[in-house]
């Protein structure tokens, strides 16, 4: 099972910046697009770290690995970065599925925008961490990422933004590593449906108010 994250902080470049850490009770199977621990594999922890909007490191995976070591996180894990204050994480649950989202929509984009209209990548970012309480097959895990992304895009459209997300969004879905694999993760499947509803509710709730970048708030 993946329980609630705990909140900590770190001192970096003169800032005390927040960090969310999930520790799995037992190793979990995960899929995702995170800069650290993306792909499919067994993972023991998840980190979602706030960084200033001026963040310009070109080695985010190495940076996240440093943060993991600083917090005594052993074994393989997942690391995410965002310009949003992670203390504003939004939690939602549906049918046994649990979702946590940090929602930064300051740089919204259409996924299929013409090349000249795509802005430079920034770290505003919608980060989604989801837990499904049943083993999913590899195909279902991939489908679950697509389902979560569709639900995120639906919420953003309902918020009135002409966008499907930001250029740096990331999704991670975790489930037990043992058990008979469920074959499907689409939005009308046994586990994809509650995942979609929970992601939609979390992103919509997190995006209701304009999300001001964490570093901009501190500067004010």
C-alpha atoms as a PDB file:
ATOM      1  CA  UNK A   1       0.000   0.000   0.000  1.00  0.00           C
ATOM      2  CA  UNK A   2       1.056   3.591  -0.624  1.00  0.00           C
ATOM      3  CA  UNK A   3       0.099   5.743   2.348  1.00  0.00           C
ATOM      4  CA  UNK A   4       0.088   9.484   2.819  1.00  0.00           C
ATOM      5  CA  UNK A   5       3.322  11.332   2.078  1.00  0.00           C
ATOM      6  CA  UNK A   6       5.200  13.171   4.761  1.00  0.00           C
ATOM      7  CA  UNK A   7       6.328  16.752   4.311  1.00  0.00           C
ATOM      8  CA  UNK A   8       9.897  17.819   4.890  1.00  0.00           C
ATOM      9  CA  UNK A   9      12.171  20.530   3.531  1.00  0.00           C
ATOM     10  CA  UNK A  10      15.696  21.136   2.391  1.00  0.00           C
ATOM     11  CA  UNK A  11      18.030  24.111   2.291  1.00  0.00           C
ATOM     12  CA  UNK A  12      19.212  24.828  -1.216  1.00  0.00           C
ATOM     13  CA  UNK A  13      20.568  28.004  -2.857  1.00  0.00           C
ATOM     14  CA  UNK A  14      19.496  30.031   0.174  1.00  0.00           C
ATOM     15  CA  UNK A  15      15.909  28.727   0.220  1.00  0.00           C
ATOM     16  CA  UNK A  16      14.074  26.353   2.539  1.00  0.00           C
ATOM     17  CA  UNK A  17      11.968  24.506   0.023  1.00  0.00           C
ATOM     18  CA  UNK A  18       9.378  21.773   0.635  1.00  0.00           C
ATOM     19  CA  UNK A  19       9.519  18.130  -0.321  1.00  0.00           C
ATOM     20  CA  UNK A  20       6.857  15.392  -0.254  1.00  0.00           C
ATOM     21  CA  UNK A  21       8.028  11.823   0.327  1.00  0.00           C
ATOM     22  CA  UNK A  22       5.987   8.635   0.032  1.00  0.00           C
ATOM     23  CA  UNK A  23       7.477   5.433   1.455  1.00  0.00           C
ATOM     24  CA  UNK A  24       5.847   2.228   0.274  1.00  0.00           C
ATOM     25  CA  UNK A  25       5.144  -0.382   2.949  1.00  0.00           C
ATOM     26  CA  UNK A  26       6.406  -3.013   0.489  1.00  0.00           C
ATOM     27  CA  UNK A  27       7.978  -2.524  -2.955  1.00  0.00           C
ATOM     28  CA  UNK A  28       5.372  -1.566  -5.537  1.00  0.00           C
ATOM     29  CA  UNK A  29       5.160  -1.912  -9.291  1.00  0.00           C
ATOM     30  CA  UNK A  30       5.210   1.513 -10.935  1.00  0.00           C
ATOM     31  CA  UNK A  31       4.890   3.120 -14.332  1.00  0.00           C
ATOM     32  CA  UNK A  32       5.468   6.721 -15.200  1.00  0.00           C
ATOM     33  CA  UNK A  33       7.224   9.555 -16.940  1.00  0.00           C
ATOM     34  CA  UNK A  34       9.185  10.948 -13.977  1.00  0.00           C
ATOM     35  CA  UNK A  35      12.748  12.149 -14.641  1.00  0.00           C
ATOM     36  CA  UNK A  36      13.979   9.706 -11.978  1.00  0.00           C
ATOM     37  CA  UNK A  37      12.559   6.195 -11.918  1.00  0.00           C
ATOM     38  CA  UNK A  38      10.357   6.573 -14.991  1.00  0.00           C
ATOM     39  CA  UNK A  39       9.357   3.602 -17.129  1.00  0.00           C
ATOM     40  CA  UNK A  40       8.064   0.372 -15.586  1.00  0.00           C
ATOM     41  CA  UNK A  41       9.649  -1.311 -12.584  1.00  0.00           C
ATOM     42  CA  UNK A  42       9.524  -1.988  -8.856  1.00  0.00           C
ATOM     43  CA  UNK A  43       9.852   1.163  -6.745  1.00  0.00           C
ATOM     44  CA  UNK A  44      10.135   1.744  -2.991  1.00  0.00           C
ATOM     45  CA  UNK A  45       9.456   5.473  -2.648  1.00  0.00           C
ATOM     46  CA  UNK A  46       8.274   8.616  -4.423  1.00  0.00           C
ATOM     47  CA  UNK A  47       9.574  12.173  -4.049  1.00  0.00           C
ATOM     48  CA  UNK A  48       7.843  15.320  -5.307  1.00  0.00           C
ATOM     49  CA  UNK A  49      10.161  18.300  -4.825  1.00  0.00           C
ATOM     50  CA  UNK A  50       9.529  22.013  -5.207  1.00  0.00           C
ATOM     51  CA  UNK A  51      12.126  23.946  -7.180  1.00  0.00           C
ATOM     52  CA  UNK A  52      12.266  27.675  -8.011  1.00  0.00           C
ATOM     53  CA  UNK A  53      10.861  28.726 -11.391  1.00  0.00           C
ATOM     54  CA  UNK A  54      14.410  29.800 -12.233  1.00  0.00           C
ATOM     55  CA  UNK A  55      15.523  26.146 -12.002  1.00  0.00           C
ATOM     56  CA  UNK A  56      18.083  25.522 -14.736  1.00  0.00           C
ATOM     57  CA  UNK A  57      19.859  22.288 -13.829  1.00  0.00           C
ATOM     58  CA  UNK A  58      20.236  19.976 -16.801  1.00  0.00           C
ATOM     59  CA  UNK A  59      20.542  16.849 -14.626  1.00  0.00           C
ATOM     60  CA  UNK A  60      17.176  16.520 -12.829  1.00  0.00           C
ATOM     61  CA  UNK A  61      17.548  12.755 -12.338  1.00  0.00           C
ATOM     62  CA  UNK A  62      20.912  13.210 -10.616  1.00  0.00           C
ATOM     63  CA  UNK A  63      19.498  16.061  -8.540  1.00  0.00           C
ATOM     64  CA  UNK A  64      16.576  13.916  -7.392  1.00  0.00           C
ATOM     65  CA  UNK A  65      18.930  11.049  -6.575  1.00  0.00           C
ATOM     66  CA  UNK A  66      20.885  13.449  -4.347  1.00  0.00           C
ATOM     67  CA  UNK A  67      17.677  14.433  -2.554  1.00  0.00           C
ATOM     68  CA  UNK A  68      16.804  10.762  -2.044  1.00  0.00           C
ATOM     69  CA  UNK A  69      20.191  10.030  -0.524  1.00  0.00           C
ATOM     70  CA  UNK A  70      19.900  13.083   1.740  1.00  0.00           C
ATOM     71  CA  UNK A  71      16.644  11.624   3.110  1.00  0.00           C
ATOM     72  CA  UNK A  72      17.903   8.040   3.467  1.00  0.00           C
ATOM     73  CA  UNK A  73      15.695   6.660   0.708  1.00  0.00           C
ATOM     74  CA  UNK A  74      17.152   3.308  -0.275  1.00  0.00           C
ATOM     75  CA  UNK A  75      16.589   1.281  -3.408  1.00  0.00           C
ATOM     76  CA  UNK A  76      14.832   2.361  -6.589  1.00  0.00           C
ATOM     77  CA  UNK A  77      12.260   5.128  -6.431  1.00  0.00           C
ATOM     78  CA  UNK A  78      10.467   7.833  -8.368  1.00  0.00           C
ATOM     79  CA  UNK A  79      11.471  11.491  -8.368  1.00  0.00           C
ATOM     80  CA  UNK A  80       9.403  14.451  -9.571  1.00  0.00           C
ATOM     81  CA  UNK A  81      10.057  18.200  -9.710  1.00  0.00           C
ATOM     82  CA  UNK A  82       7.631  21.119  -9.773  1.00  0.00           C
ATOM     83  CA  UNK A  83       7.536  24.895  -9.460  1.00  0.00           C
ATOM     84  CA  UNK A  84       4.430  24.547  -7.269  1.00  0.00           C
ATOM     85  CA  UNK A  85       4.625  24.565  -3.481  1.00  0.00           C
ATOM     86  CA  UNK A  86       4.085  20.870  -2.764  1.00  0.00           C
ATOM     87  CA  UNK A  87       2.386  21.710   0.528  1.00  0.00           C
ATOM     88  CA  UNK A  88      -0.590  22.508  -1.732  1.00  0.00           C
ATOM     89  CA  UNK A  89      -0.920  18.872  -2.793  1.00  0.00           C
ATOM     90  CA  UNK A  90      -4.515  17.859  -3.519  1.00  0.00           C
ATOM     91  CA  UNK A  91      -5.699  14.414  -2.410  1.00  0.00           C
ATOM     92  CA  UNK A  92      -8.604  12.471  -3.833  1.00  0.00           C
ATOM     93  CA  UNK A  93      -9.791   8.862  -3.520  1.00  0.00           C
ATOM     94  CA  UNK A  94     -12.331   6.805  -5.444  1.00  0.00           C
ATOM     95  CA  UNK A  95     -13.166   3.113  -5.136  1.00  0.00           C
ATOM     96  CA  UNK A  96      -9.902   2.244  -3.400  1.00  0.00           C
ATOM     97  CA  UNK A  97      -7.757   4.284  -5.785  1.00  0.00           C
ATOM     98  CA  UNK A  98      -5.789   7.161  -4.244  1.00  0.00           C
ATOM     99  CA  UNK A  99      -4.414  10.179  -6.113  1.00  0.00           C
ATOM    100  CA  UNK A 100      -2.204  13.091  -5.132  1.00  0.00           C
ATOM    101  CA  UNK A 101      -1.678  16.030  -7.491  1.00  0.00           C
ATOM    102  CA  UNK A 102       0.346  19.222  -7.417  1.00  0.00           C
ATOM    103  CA  UNK A 103      -1.170  21.499 -10.011  1.00  0.00           C
ATOM    104  CA  UNK A 104       0.828  24.245 -11.704  1.00  0.00           C
ATOM    105  CA  UNK A 105      -0.928  25.709 -14.739  1.00  0.00           C
ATOM    106  CA  UNK A 106       1.065  28.886 -15.287  1.00  0.00           C
ATOM    107  CA  UNK A 107       2.411  27.709 -18.659  1.00  0.00           C
ATOM    108  CA  UNK A 108      -0.473  25.773 -20.273  1.00  0.00           C
ATOM    109  CA  UNK A 109       0.007  24.300 -23.757  1.00  0.00           C
ATOM    110  CA  UNK A 110      -1.892  22.254 -26.295  1.00  0.00           C
ATOM    111  CA  UNK A 111      -0.177  18.898 -26.760  1.00  0.00           C
ATOM    112  CA  UNK A 112      -0.297  19.253 -30.562  1.00  0.00           C
ATOM    113  CA  UNK A 113       0.524  22.964 -30.843  1.00  0.00           C
ATOM    114  CA  UNK A 114       2.482  24.017 -33.947  1.00  0.00           C
ATOM    115  CA  UNK A 115       6.199  24.086 -33.264  1.00  0.00           C
ATOM    116  CA  UNK A 116       6.606  27.904 -33.196  1.00  0.00           C
ATOM    117  CA  UNK A 117       3.895  28.171 -30.521  1.00  0.00           C
ATOM    118  CA  UNK A 118       5.465  25.702 -28.076  1.00  0.00           C
ATOM    119  CA  UNK A 119       7.118  27.709 -25.262  1.00  0.00           C
ATOM    120  CA  UNK A 120      10.426  26.914 -23.631  1.00  0.00           C
ATOM    121  CA  UNK A 121      10.085  24.254 -20.959  1.00  0.00           C
ATOM    122  CA  UNK A 122       9.523  25.500 -17.421  1.00  0.00           C
ATOM    123  CA  UNK A 123       8.768  23.746 -14.164  1.00  0.00           C
ATOM    124  CA  UNK A 124       5.197  24.858 -13.420  1.00  0.00           C
ATOM    125  CA  UNK A 125       4.019  21.329 -14.015  1.00  0.00           C
ATOM    126  CA  UNK A 126       1.092  19.094 -13.100  1.00  0.00           C
ATOM    127  CA  UNK A 127       2.521  16.131 -11.185  1.00  0.00           C
ATOM    128  CA  UNK A 128       0.177  13.209 -10.541  1.00  0.00           C
ATOM    129  CA  UNK A 129       0.885  10.256  -8.246  1.00  0.00           C
ATOM    130  CA  UNK A 130      -1.725   7.523  -8.234  1.00  0.00           C
ATOM    131  CA  UNK A 131      -2.085   4.252  -6.342  1.00  0.00           C
ATOM    132  CA  UNK A 132      -4.287   1.385  -7.544  1.00  0.00           C
ATOM    133  CA  UNK A 133      -4.840  -1.354  -4.923  1.00  0.00           C
ATOM    134  CA  UNK A 134      -4.701  -4.243  -7.406  1.00  0.00           C
ATOM    135  CA  UNK A 135      -1.932  -5.626  -9.581  1.00  0.00           C
ATOM    136  CA  UNK A 136      -2.075  -4.272 -13.135  1.00  0.00           C
ATOM    137  CA  UNK A 137      -0.514  -5.919 -16.149  1.00  0.00           C
ATOM    138  CA  UNK A 138       2.206  -3.997 -17.986  1.00  0.00           C
ATOM    139  CA  UNK A 139      -0.297  -3.076 -20.701  1.00  0.00           C
ATOM    140  CA  UNK A 140      -2.816  -1.935 -18.097  1.00  0.00           C
ATOM    141  CA  UNK A 141      -0.156   0.196 -16.409  1.00  0.00           C
ATOM    142  CA  UNK A 142       0.596   1.966 -19.684  1.00  0.00           C
ATOM    143  CA  UNK A 143      -3.138   2.368 -20.260  1.00  0.00           C
ATOM    144  CA  UNK A 144      -3.519   3.800 -16.744  1.00  0.00           C
ATOM    145  CA  UNK A 145      -1.025   6.564 -17.553  1.00  0.00           C
ATOM    146  CA  UNK A 146      -3.049   7.409 -20.655  1.00  0.00           C
ATOM    147  CA  UNK A 147      -6.266   7.368 -18.621  1.00  0.00           C
ATOM    148  CA  UNK A 148      -4.815   9.676 -15.967  1.00  0.00           C
ATOM    149  CA  UNK A 149      -3.582  12.038 -18.680  1.00  0.00           C
ATOM    150  CA  UNK A 150      -6.997  12.100 -20.370  1.00  0.00           C
ATOM    151  CA  UNK A 151      -8.653  12.884 -17.029  1.00  0.00           C
ATOM    152  CA  UNK A 152      -6.137  15.676 -16.371  1.00  0.00           C
ATOM    153  CA  UNK A 153      -6.830  17.190 -19.804  1.00  0.00           C
ATOM    154  CA  UNK A 154     -10.597  16.979 -19.171  1.00  0.00           C
ATOM    155  CA  UNK A 155     -10.202  18.857 -15.884  1.00  0.00           C
ATOM    156  CA  UNK A 156      -8.047  21.557 -17.496  1.00  0.00           C
ATOM    157  CA  UNK A 157     -10.606  22.028 -20.281  1.00  0.00           C
ATOM    158  CA  UNK A 158     -13.393  22.311 -17.693  1.00  0.00           C
ATOM    159  CA  UNK A 159     -11.345  24.985 -15.895  1.00  0.00           C
ATOM    160  CA  UNK A 160     -11.552  27.061 -19.058  1.00  0.00           C
ATOM    161  CA  UNK A 161      -7.920  26.859 -20.106  1.00  0.00           C
ATOM    162  CA  UNK A 162      -7.167  26.353 -23.817  1.00  0.00           C
ATOM    163  CA  UNK A 163      -4.677  23.586 -23.089  1.00  0.00           C
ATOM    164  CA  UNK A 164      -4.173  19.899 -22.400  1.00  0.00           C
ATOM    165  CA  UNK A 165      -1.484  20.397 -19.759  1.00  0.00           C
ATOM    166  CA  UNK A 166       1.966  21.944 -19.473  1.00  0.00           C
ATOM    167  CA  UNK A 167       5.153  20.993 -21.282  1.00  0.00           C
ATOM    168  CA  UNK A 168       6.611  19.319 -18.181  1.00  0.00           C
ATOM    169  CA  UNK A 169       3.717  17.327 -16.670  1.00  0.00           C
ATOM    170  CA  UNK A 170       4.474  13.915 -15.184  1.00  0.00           C
ATOM    171  CA  UNK A 171       2.355  10.933 -14.138  1.00  0.00           C
ATOM    172  CA  UNK A 172       3.258   7.995 -11.904  1.00  0.00           C
ATOM    173  CA  UNK A 173       0.882   5.108 -11.189  1.00  0.00           C
ATOM    174  CA  UNK A 174       1.782   2.458  -8.611  1.00  0.00           C
ATOM    175  CA  UNK A 175       0.160  -0.851  -7.720  1.00  0.00           C
ATOM    176  CA  UNK A 176       1.006  -4.063  -5.825  1.00  0.00           C
ATOM    177  CA  UNK A 177       3.789  -6.084  -7.421  1.00  0.00           C
ATOM    178  CA  UNK A 178       2.056  -9.403  -6.703  1.00  0.00           C
ATOM    179  CA  UNK A 179      -1.291 -10.917  -7.614  1.00  0.00           C
ATOM    180  CA  UNK A 180      -3.218 -11.792 -10.742  1.00  0.00           C
ATOM    181  CA  UNK A 181      -2.725  -8.895 -13.165  1.00  0.00           C
ATOM    182  CA  UNK A 182      -5.793  -6.936 -14.207  1.00  0.00           C
ATOM    183  CA  UNK A 183      -5.628  -6.693 -18.003  1.00  0.00           C
ATOM    184  CA  UNK A 184      -7.083  -3.214 -18.561  1.00  0.00           C
ATOM    185  CA  UNK A 185      -6.481   0.340 -17.339  1.00  0.00           C
ATOM    186  CA  UNK A 186      -8.717   2.368 -19.655  1.00  0.00           C
ATOM    187  CA  UNK A 187     -11.326   4.865 -18.437  1.00  0.00           C
ATOM    188  CA  UNK A 188     -14.137   2.296 -18.393  1.00  0.00           C
ATOM    189  CA  UNK A 189     -12.129  -0.530 -16.832  1.00  0.00           C
ATOM    190  CA  UNK A 190     -12.450  -1.727 -13.250  1.00  0.00           C
ATOM    191  CA  UNK A 191      -9.470   0.292 -12.027  1.00  0.00           C
ATOM    192  CA  UNK A 192      -9.097   2.863 -14.772  1.00  0.00           C
ATOM    193  CA  UNK A 193     -12.541   4.345 -14.107  1.00  0.00           C
ATOM    194  CA  UNK A 194     -11.917   5.282 -10.446  1.00  0.00           C
ATOM    195  CA  UNK A 195      -8.396   6.422 -11.360  1.00  0.00           C
ATOM    196  CA  UNK A 196      -9.842   8.774 -13.981  1.00  0.00           C
ATOM    197  CA  UNK A 197     -12.406  10.178 -11.549  1.00  0.00           C
ATOM    198  CA  UNK A 198      -9.843  10.722  -8.802  1.00  0.00           C
ATOM    199  CA  UNK A 199      -7.320  12.401 -11.132  1.00  0.00           C
ATOM    200  CA  UNK A 200     -10.028  14.594 -12.638  1.00  0.00           C
ATOM    201  CA  UNK A 201     -11.243  15.680  -9.202  1.00  0.00           C
ATOM    202  CA  UNK A 202      -7.721  16.388  -7.926  1.00  0.00           C
ATOM    203  CA  UNK A 203      -6.571  18.403 -10.940  1.00  0.00           C
ATOM    204  CA  UNK A 204      -9.798  20.354 -11.140  1.00  0.00           C
ATOM    205  CA  UNK A 205      -9.653  21.205  -7.425  1.00  0.00           C
ATOM    206  CA  UNK A 206      -5.978  22.140  -7.633  1.00  0.00           C
ATOM    207  CA  UNK A 207      -6.512  24.353 -10.646  1.00  0.00           C
ATOM    208  CA  UNK A 208      -9.554  26.297  -9.456  1.00  0.00           C
ATOM    209  CA  UNK A 209      -7.409  29.146  -8.158  1.00  0.00           C
ATOM    210  CA  UNK A 210      -4.580  30.560 -10.206  1.00  0.00           C
ATOM    211  CA  UNK A 211      -1.465  28.730  -9.103  1.00  0.00           C
ATOM    212  CA  UNK A 212       1.265  31.267  -8.376  1.00  0.00           C
ATOM    213  CA  UNK A 213       4.798  29.854  -8.695  1.00  0.00           C
ATOM    214  CA  UNK A 214       6.302  29.099  -5.297  1.00  0.00           C
ATOM    215  CA  UNK A 215       9.383  31.283  -5.841  1.00  0.00           C
ATOM    216  CA  UNK A 216       7.214  34.224  -6.984  1.00  0.00           C
ATOM    217  CA  UNK A 217       5.189  34.014  -3.765  1.00  0.00           C
ATOM    218  CA  UNK A 218       8.357  33.957  -1.676  1.00  0.00           C
ATOM    219  CA  UNK A 219       9.741  36.914  -3.609  1.00  0.00           C
ATOM    220  CA  UNK A 220       6.542  38.884  -2.862  1.00  0.00           C
END
